[in-house]
Amino acid sequence: MKRTQELFEKIDAYLNGDLKGNDLELFENTLKSDAELQEEVDTYRLMQEALKDTDVITFRERLKTIDTEIEEEKFKKVTSKKPFSIYYKIAAVFIAIVGVSSFLWLFNPIENNLYEHYYVPYPMDELTRNSHTTLSELKDVSILYEKKKYQKAIPTLEKLVQKHSTDDKLKLYLGNSYLNLNQEEKAIVLFESILKNDTFRDDALWFLSLVYIKLEDYDRAINFLKELVSYENLYKKSAVDLLEKLQ
């Protein structure tokens, strides 16, 4: 049996009761006749128990070095006064198969979904006249934006941003629209252009941190979050929570 991350994800879903319908039926039928799959499921179940019974932080720290120790043991016989526990041995097998990062990813769904957990589109507030835009200009696009029809909203927002280049709230709407269509680089350009505006700087910092989390560029995300937690603002509490998860 070829061991892949996809296989372990399916086993994880099965053990957690997330496999449904045809997928569940197919997996259970295969499990009945495939001894290798049965062994993989049993091993994976032991790993889940290990994570429940072992201090998670200590366990993860151990995982960062255990693969190196495995390599060393391939070349020399070592008599250890403190041999690996059964849980660490099982962890070693998994690391050999999928690597440290993939292993931690499998058992860290919350951190893996930080962007989805924290991201909320910038709200389109009640439309009022201001020095740049009018109610009529924004009425149609606001409906599209609020209904999350970003593909249709973008052309109008792009025209409005071009016409009213100093209106940073419009840039926030457009940047969020780009972000929801996986056009992160365009969103970054817009959010960065807002940083010099004190009124919307907090918003720009927050969305920039989320963009970089989505792109898995955690160092840059942390830099923006650190700035947000350095003073009182709307996003400070969420920024503190995110920093704790990322550091």
Foldseek 3Di string as FASTA:
>chain_A
DQDDLVLVLLLVCQVVVNDDDPSNVVVVVCCVPPPVSVVVSVLVVVLVVCCVPDDPVVVLVCLVCLLVVVVVCVPDPDDDPDDDDPNVVSSNVVCVRYNSVSVVCSVCVCLLCVLVVPDDQDQDDDDPDDPQDHCVLCVVLNVCLVVLVLVVNQVSLVVSCVRVVVPLVSLSSNLSSCVVVVNLVSSLVSLVVCCVPPVCNLVSLVVVLSSCSVVVVNVSSLVSLVVNCVDDDPCNVVSVVSNVSSD
